[in-house]
């Protein structure tokens, strides 16, 4: 049943139009040789950048793929964590050796950077290791993570690496839309970028007539210790004009003292500095991330549906035994009752 189920999965992936599959620990459940057989059945490549066949000393599958799409050269590689197999006698690991994920990632980035415009890691390291790798290995634009099944509706950006992952058991499908406007490795969350731009634009237009309360409120909300603008400026490497915050504070002071001439000059300065920040947001790369619950409302592919139904008829799930019935003992006749 397990081998037939594996074949059903590969045939389904073929119909779905997969570009690549990065192997994880569960893919090795039936052993190395069976997985090699499944790779020949697939119409897409299997990747394993750090999994080595002990008998040949070579990678079990190809280490990377370069995919050309819409004028972009996208380099893809994969990693699996050695810690996934804590038991040295784990049969899934029989005949295999695993290289260091960090060293492998560094080698892959070095090899792929001259040949590609973007590098994607399909990771089976688990979310904490994904974060650690993003912090230590620069040059990876996107990490598509697995194994831990962490749901990330708001993908974090660690250094310049965007990390996506979703809940396990096929509860959700994910879609990530990337908009390239330049060659920099920075991606803005599109909704955050719109909010940032909207806040600055509104302030820029209002600053010429704002009273002291409005300016103070904007400053406290947007430039406080835990403010959105300062956070985004650090995250996306946006430089705030050196005197922007001080000019805002000076404007508040001049409004309180009713220094009309100073107010006018400071309003003009602050407006110009807001425009400088907004210019840095233009032509930046963006991403939109959506998670979709995979429920009854999403129809199956008709051919895949037929294959699944045939499998279920051949291998029906065993019926669960009915829970035992517990009857309350009846009191014997003549016995005293409480």
Protein backbone atom coordinates (compact mmCIF):
# COMPACT_ATOMS: atom_id res chain seq x y z
CA UNK A 1 0.00 0.00 0.00
CA UNK A 2 2.82 2.40 0.86
CA UNK A 3 4.53 1.91 -2.51
CA UNK A 4 1.26 2.39 -4.39
CA UNK A 5 0.56 5.54 -2.38
CA UNK A 6 4.01 6.92 -3.26
CA UNK A 7 3.36 6.27 -6.96
CA UNK A 8 -0.02 8.03 -6.66
CA UNK A 9 1.69 11.08 -5.12
CA UNK A 10 4.30 11.28 -7.90
CA UNK A 11 1.67 10.83 -10.63
CA UNK A 12 -0.39 13.60 -9.01
CA UNK A 13 2.63 15.92 -8.90
CA UNK A 14 3.22 15.20 -12.61
CA UNK A 15 -0.33 16.30 -13.43
CA UNK A 16 -0.01 19.37 -11.19
CA UNK A 17 3.04 20.54 -13.16
CA UNK A 18 5.68 20.57 -10.43
CA UNK A 19 9.00 22.17 -11.38
CA UNK A 20 11.11 20.42 -8.76
CA UNK A 21 10.91 18.34 -5.58
CA UNK A 22 13.35 18.68 -2.69
CA UNK A 23 13.54 15.47 -0.66
CA UNK A 24 12.77 15.30 3.06
CA UNK A 25 13.09 12.61 5.67
CA UNK A 26 9.67 11.06 4.99
CA UNK A 27 10.52 10.67 1.30
CA UNK A 28 13.18 8.15 2.38
CA UNK A 29 10.72 6.03 4.38
CA UNK A 30 10.87 3.20 1.82
CA UNK A 31 14.61 3.46 1.32
CA UNK A 32 17.12 4.99 -1.06
CA UNK A 33 16.54 2.58 -3.96
CA UNK A 34 12.78 3.07 -3.96
CA UNK A 35 13.20 6.86 -3.95
CA UNK A 36 15.56 6.59 -6.93
CA UNK A 37 12.85 4.57 -8.69
CA UNK A 38 10.30 7.30 -7.93
CA UNK A 39 12.64 9.96 -9.32
CA UNK A 40 12.62 8.12 -12.65
CA UNK A 41 8.81 8.05 -12.58
CA UNK A 42 8.64 11.84 -12.01
CA UNK A 43 8.56 14.31 -14.88
CA UNK A 44 10.50 16.84 -12.79
CA UNK A 45 13.91 16.66 -11.08
CA UNK A 46 14.53 15.67 -7.48
CA UNK A 47 17.03 17.86 -5.60
CA UNK A 48 19.30 16.95 -2.69
CA UNK A 49 22.20 19.36 -2.36
CA UNK A 50 23.64 17.81 0.81
CA UNK A 51 22.56 14.15 0.58
CA UNK A 52 25.39 11.88 -0.60
CA UNK A 53 25.17 8.29 -1.85
CA UNK A 54 27.75 6.41 0.23
CA UNK A 55 28.38 3.79 -2.45
CA UNK A 56 29.37 6.31 -5.13
CA UNK A 57 30.42 9.28 -3.00
CA UNK A 58 28.28 11.50 -5.23
CA UNK A 59 25.06 13.45 -4.52
CA UNK A 60 22.02 11.16 -4.53
CA UNK A 61 20.22 13.51 -6.93
CA UNK A 62 21.18 16.70 -8.77
CA UNK A 63 22.32 19.46 -6.40
CA UNK A 64 20.61 22.42 -8.05
CA UNK A 65 18.40 23.63 -10.85
CA UNK A 66 18.47 26.86 -12.88
CA UNK A 67 14.99 27.76 -14.09
CA UNK A 68 14.50 30.52 -16.67
CA UNK A 69 11.19 32.40 -16.31
CA UNK A 70 10.14 35.74 -17.81
CA UNK A 71 13.73 36.75 -18.45
CA UNK A 72 14.88 35.79 -14.93
CA UNK A 73 17.41 33.07 -14.13
CA UNK A 74 16.30 31.43 -10.90
CA UNK A 75 18.71 29.14 -9.06
CA UNK A 76 17.15 26.51 -6.79
CA UNK A 77 18.86 24.18 -4.33
CA UNK A 78 17.73 22.10 -1.35
CA UNK A 79 18.91 21.09 2.12
CA UNK A 80 17.88 18.55 4.73
CA UNK A 81 19.02 18.66 8.36
CA UNK A 82 21.23 15.81 9.67
CA UNK A 83 19.35 16.25 12.99
CA UNK A 84 16.27 14.91 11.20
CA UNK A 85 17.79 11.44 11.73
CA UNK A 86 18.80 11.42 15.43
CA UNK A 87 19.00 7.61 15.52
CA UNK A 88 22.24 6.43 13.84
CA UNK A 89 20.48 3.16 12.93
CA UNK A 90 17.57 4.93 11.20
CA UNK A 91 16.82 2.79 8.12
CA UNK A 92 15.84 5.87 6.13
CA UNK A 93 19.47 6.98 6.22
CA UNK A 94 20.89 3.61 5.15
CA UNK A 95 23.50 4.06 2.42
CA UNK A 96 23.45 7.84 2.72
CA UNK A 97 25.62 10.57 4.24
CA UNK A 98 24.56 14.17 4.92
CA UNK A 99 26.90 17.12 4.49
CA UNK A 100 26.78 20.25 6.65
CA UNK A 101 23.80 22.40 5.58
CA UNK A 102 25.67 25.67 6.23
CA UNK A 103 28.78 24.66 4.28
CA UNK A 104 26.62 23.27 1.45
CA UNK A 105 24.55 26.49 1.32
CA UNK A 106 27.69 28.62 1.13
CA UNK A 107 29.03 26.46 -1.73
CA UNK A 108 25.70 26.56 -3.57
CA UNK A 109 25.39 30.35 -3.30
CA UNK A 110 28.98 30.76 -4.51
CA UNK A 111 28.28 28.53 -7.51
CA UNK A 112 24.84 29.95 -8.39
CA UNK A 113 25.38 33.70 -7.92
CA UNK A 114 27.34 34.29 -11.17
CA UNK A 115 24.78 32.29 -13.16
CA UNK A 116 21.48 33.54 -11.74
CA UNK A 117 19.42 36.61 -10.85
CA UNK A 118 17.77 35.04 -7.81
CA UNK A 119 18.49 32.09 -5.50
CA UNK A 120 15.80 30.00 -3.79
CA UNK A 121 16.42 27.42 -1.08
CA UNK A 122 13.85 24.66 -0.65
CA UNK A 123 14.60 23.75 2.95
CA UNK A 124 13.83 20.72 5.07
CA UNK A 125 15.84 22.10 7.98
CA UNK A 126 12.95 23.30 10.14
CA UNK A 127 12.04 26.92 10.88
CA UNK A 128 14.67 27.67 13.59
CA UNK A 129 17.43 26.41 11.28
CA UNK A 130 16.00 28.43 8.38
CA UNK A 131 16.33 31.57 10.49
CA UNK A 132 19.85 30.63 11.54
CA UNK A 133 20.89 29.98 7.94
CA UNK A 134 19.41 33.29 6.75
CA UNK A 135 21.51 35.06 9.39
CA UNK A 136 24.76 33.33 8.43
CA UNK A 137 24.60 32.75 4.66
CA UNK A 138 23.91 35.87 2.57
CA UNK A 139 22.70 35.71 -1.01
CA UNK A 140 19.51 33.60 -0.63
CA UNK A 141 16.48 35.63 -1.71
CA UNK A 142 13.80 33.16 -0.66
CA UNK A 143 13.69 30.17 1.73
CA UNK A 144 10.71 27.88 1.20
CA UNK A 145 10.76 25.93 4.44
CA UNK A 146 9.30 22.66 5.65
CA UNK A 147 9.54 19.93 8.29
CA UNK A 148 8.34 21.95 11.31
CA UNK A 149 5.01 22.96 9.74
CA UNK A 150 5.03 26.49 11.16
CA UNK A 151 2.24 28.65 9.75
CA UNK A 152 3.66 31.99 8.59
CA UNK A 153 0.89 34.19 7.17
CA UNK A 154 3.27 37.17 7.55
CA UNK A 155 6.63 35.94 6.24
CA UNK A 156 9.63 37.29 8.15
CA UNK A 157 12.61 38.90 6.42
CA UNK A 158 15.88 37.84 8.06
CA UNK A 159 18.77 39.93 6.76
CA UNK A 160 17.70 39.92 3.08
CA UNK A 161 16.12 36.45 3.03
CA UNK A 162 12.34 36.10 2.87
CA UNK A 163 11.12 32.93 4.66
CA UNK A 164 7.83 31.20 3.86
CA UNK A 165 6.37 28.09 5.45
CA UNK A 166 2.89 26.80 6.22
CA UNK A 167 0.98 24.39 8.39
CA UNK A 168 1.39 20.67 7.81
CA UNK A 169 -1.09 18.03 6.58
CA UNK A 170 -2.08 20.04 3.50
CA UNK A 171 -4.32 22.42 5.42
CA UNK A 172 -3.29 25.41 3.28
CA UNK A 173 -1.94 26.28 -0.11
CA UNK A 174 0.44 29.22 -0.36
CA UNK A 175 1.00 31.75 -3.10
CA UNK A 176 3.87 34.23 -3.16
CA UNK A 177 3.86 36.96 -5.81
CA UNK A 178 7.19 38.74 -6.33
CA UNK A 179 7.45 42.00 -8.25
CA UNK A 180 10.93 42.83 -9.51
CA UNK A 181 11.61 46.48 -10.16
CA UNK A 182 15.38 46.35 -9.63
CA UNK A 183 18.24 43.91 -9.00
CA UNK A 184 18.57 44.58 -5.27
CA UNK A 185 17.97 41.63 -2.91
CA UNK A 186 15.36 43.53 -0.85
CA UNK A 187 11.64 42.77 -0.97
CA UNK A 188 9.02 44.95 0.66
CA UNK A 189 5.82 43.47 1.97
CA UNK A 190 3.49 45.27 -0.45
CA UNK A 191 0.85 46.05 2.19
CA UNK A 192 3.49 47.49 4.56
CA UNK A 193 4.94 49.55 1.72
CA UNK A 194 1.51 50.98 0.83
CA UNK A 195 0.84 51.80 4.49
CA UNK A 196 4.27 53.44 4.85
CA UNK A 197 3.74 55.51 1.69
CA UNK A 198 0.21 56.48 2.69
CA UNK A 199 1.29 57.68 6.15
CA UNK A 200 4.16 59.75 4.75
CA UNK A 201 2.10 61.17 1.90
CA UNK A 202 -0.70 62.24 4.23
CA UNK A 203 1.76 63.86 6.60
CA UNK A 204 3.61 65.59 3.75
CA UNK A 205 0.35 67.13 2.54
CA UNK A 206 -0.84 68.06 6.06
CA UNK A 207 2.40 69.43 7.50
CA UNK A 208 1.87 72.88 5.95
CA UNK A 209 -1.29 73.40 8.04
CA UNK A 210 -0.93 70.93 10.95
CA UNK A 211 -1.31 72.20 14.48
CA UNK A 212 0.96 71.20 17.35
CA UNK A 213 -1.26 68.30 18.48
CA UNK A 214 -1.30 66.70 15.05
CA UNK A 215 2.48 66.97 14.57
CA UNK A 216 3.17 65.62 18.07
CA UNK A 217 0.80 62.70 17.55
CA UNK A 218 2.36 61.79 14.19
CA UNK A 219 5.87 61.98 15.64
CA UNK A 220 5.01 59.80 18.67
CA UNK A 221 3.16 57.19 16.59
CA UNK A 222 5.61 56.96 13.68
CA UNK A 223 9.04 57.79 15.14
CA UNK A 224 8.75 56.35 18.65
CA UNK A 225 11.07 53.62 19.98
CA UNK A 226 8.82 50.84 18.63
CA UNK A 227 7.38 52.73 15.69
CA UNK A 228 6.45 51.30 12.32
CA UNK A 229 8.48 53.73 10.22
CA UNK A 230 11.71 53.27 12.16
CA UNK A 231 11.25 49.50 12.07
CA UNK A 232 10.63 49.46 8.32
CA UNK A 233 13.48 51.90 7.69
CA UNK A 234 15.90 49.54 9.45
CA UNK A 235 14.42 46.42 7.86
CA UNK A 236 14.51 47.74 4.30
CA UNK A 237 17.64 49.88 4.66
CA UNK A 238 15.92 53.23 4.10
CA UNK A 239 17.90 56.19 5.32
CA UNK A 240 15.95 58.90 7.13
CA UNK A 241 17.36 62.42 6.56
CA UNK A 242 19.70 63.20 9.45
CA UNK A 243 17.73 66.23 10.69
CA UNK A 244 14.23 64.91 9.97
CA UNK A 245 13.34 63.96 13.55
CA UNK A 246 15.04 67.02 15.04
CA UNK A 247 13.24 69.31 12.57
CA UNK A 248 9.93 67.76 13.65
CA UNK A 249 10.74 68.46 17.29
CA UNK A 250 11.81 72.02 16.44
CA UNK A 251 8.55 72.49 14.52
CA UNK A 252 6.56 71.40 17.59
CA UNK A 253 8.52 73.85 19.78
CA UNK A 254 7.97 76.74 17.32
CA UNK A 255 4.24 75.97 17.17
CA UNK A 256 4.06 76.09 20.95
CA UNK A 257 5.89 79.44 21.08
CA UNK A 258 3.95 80.74 18.04
CA UNK A 259 7.18 81.64 16.19
CA UNK A 260 5.57 82.16 12.78
CA UNK A 261 8.74 82.69 10.71
CA UNK A 262 10.49 79.64 12.15
CA UNK A 263 7.33 77.54 11.67
CA UNK A 264 7.20 78.38 7.97
CA UNK A 265 10.83 77.41 7.33
CA UNK A 266 10.55 74.19 9.31
CA UNK A 267 7.32 73.13 7.59
CA UNK A 268 9.08 73.49 4.22
CA UNK A 269 12.11 71.50 5.44
CA UNK A 270 10.05 68.67 6.91
CA UNK A 271 7.95 68.39 3.74
CA UNK A 272 11.09 68.14 1.60
CA UNK A 273 12.58 65.49 3.88
CA UNK A 274 9.37 63.43 3.71
CA UNK A 275 9.64 63.56 -0.08
CA UNK A 276 13.24 62.26 0.15
CA UNK A 277 12.03 59.24 2.13
CA UNK A 278 9.20 58.60 -0.33
CA UNK A 279 11.61 58.65 -3.28
CA UNK A 280 13.53 55.78 -1.70
CA UNK A 281 10.36 53.67 -1.78
CA UNK A 282 9.92 54.08 -5.53
CA UNK A 283 10.83 51.15 -7.78
CA UNK A 284 11.47 48.82 -4.84
CA UNK A 285 10.87 45.08 -5.14
CA UNK A 286 7.65 43.87 -3.52
CA UNK A 287 5.97 40.66 -2.43
CA UNK A 288 2.38 39.65 -1.74
CA UNK A 289 1.83 36.49 0.32
CA UNK A 290 -1.50 34.67 0.51
CA UNK A 291 -2.52 31.49 2.32
CA UNK A 292 -5.58 29.62 1.10
CA UNK A 293 -7.44 27.08 3.23
CA UNK A 294 -7.73 23.86 1.21
CA UNK A 295 -11.29 22.76 1.88
CA UNK A 296 -14.27 21.34 0.04
CA UNK A 297 -14.71 24.58 -1.89
CA UNK A 298 -11.54 23.87 -3.90
CA UNK A 299 -12.20 21.23 -6.55
CA UNK A 300 -9.82 18.36 -7.21
CA UNK A 301 -8.09 17.92 -10.54
CA UNK A 302 -10.46 15.42 -12.29
CA UNK A 303 -7.71 12.93 -13.18
CA UNK A 304 -6.14 13.11 -9.71
CA UNK A 305 -9.60 12.68 -8.17
CA UNK A 306 -10.10 9.47 -10.15
CA UNK A 307 -6.71 8.12 -9.09
CA UNK A 308 -7.36 8.88 -5.43
CA UNK A 309 -10.78 7.21 -5.57
CA UNK A 310 -9.28 4.09 -7.21
CA UNK A 311 -6.64 3.93 -4.47
CA UNK A 312 -9.28 4.21 -1.74
CA UNK A 313 -11.32 1.40 -3.31
CA UNK A 314 -8.24 -0.82 -3.46
CA UNK A 315 -7.04 0.09 0.02
CA UNK A 316 -10.09 1.08 2.09
CA UNK A 317 -9.43 2.54 5.48
CA UNK A 318 -10.18 0.02 8.24
CA UNK A 319 -13.36 0.76 10.12
CA UNK A 320 -12.80 2.04 13.60
CA UNK A 321 -14.15 -0.36 16.23
CA UNK A 322 -17.18 0.88 18.08
CA UNK A 323 -16.41 2.02 21.61
CA UNK A 324 -17.35 -0.57 24.24
CA UNK A 325 -20.70 -0.11 25.90
CA UNK A 326 -20.72 0.21 29.68
CA UNK A 327 -24.04 -0.65 31.26
CA UNK A 328 -24.87 0.44 34.77
CA UNK A 329 -25.40 -2.71 36.87
CA UNK A 330 -28.97 -3.17 38.00
CA UNK A 331 -29.63 -3.72 41.71
CA UNK A 332 -30.52 -7.30 42.64
CA UNK A 333 -34.02 -7.93 43.89
CA UNK A 334 -34.34 -7.69 47.63
CA UNK A 335 -31.00 -5.92 47.97
CA UNK A 336 -31.04 -2.73 50.01
CA UNK A 337 -30.88 0.41 47.86
CA UNK A 338 -29.10 3.60 48.78
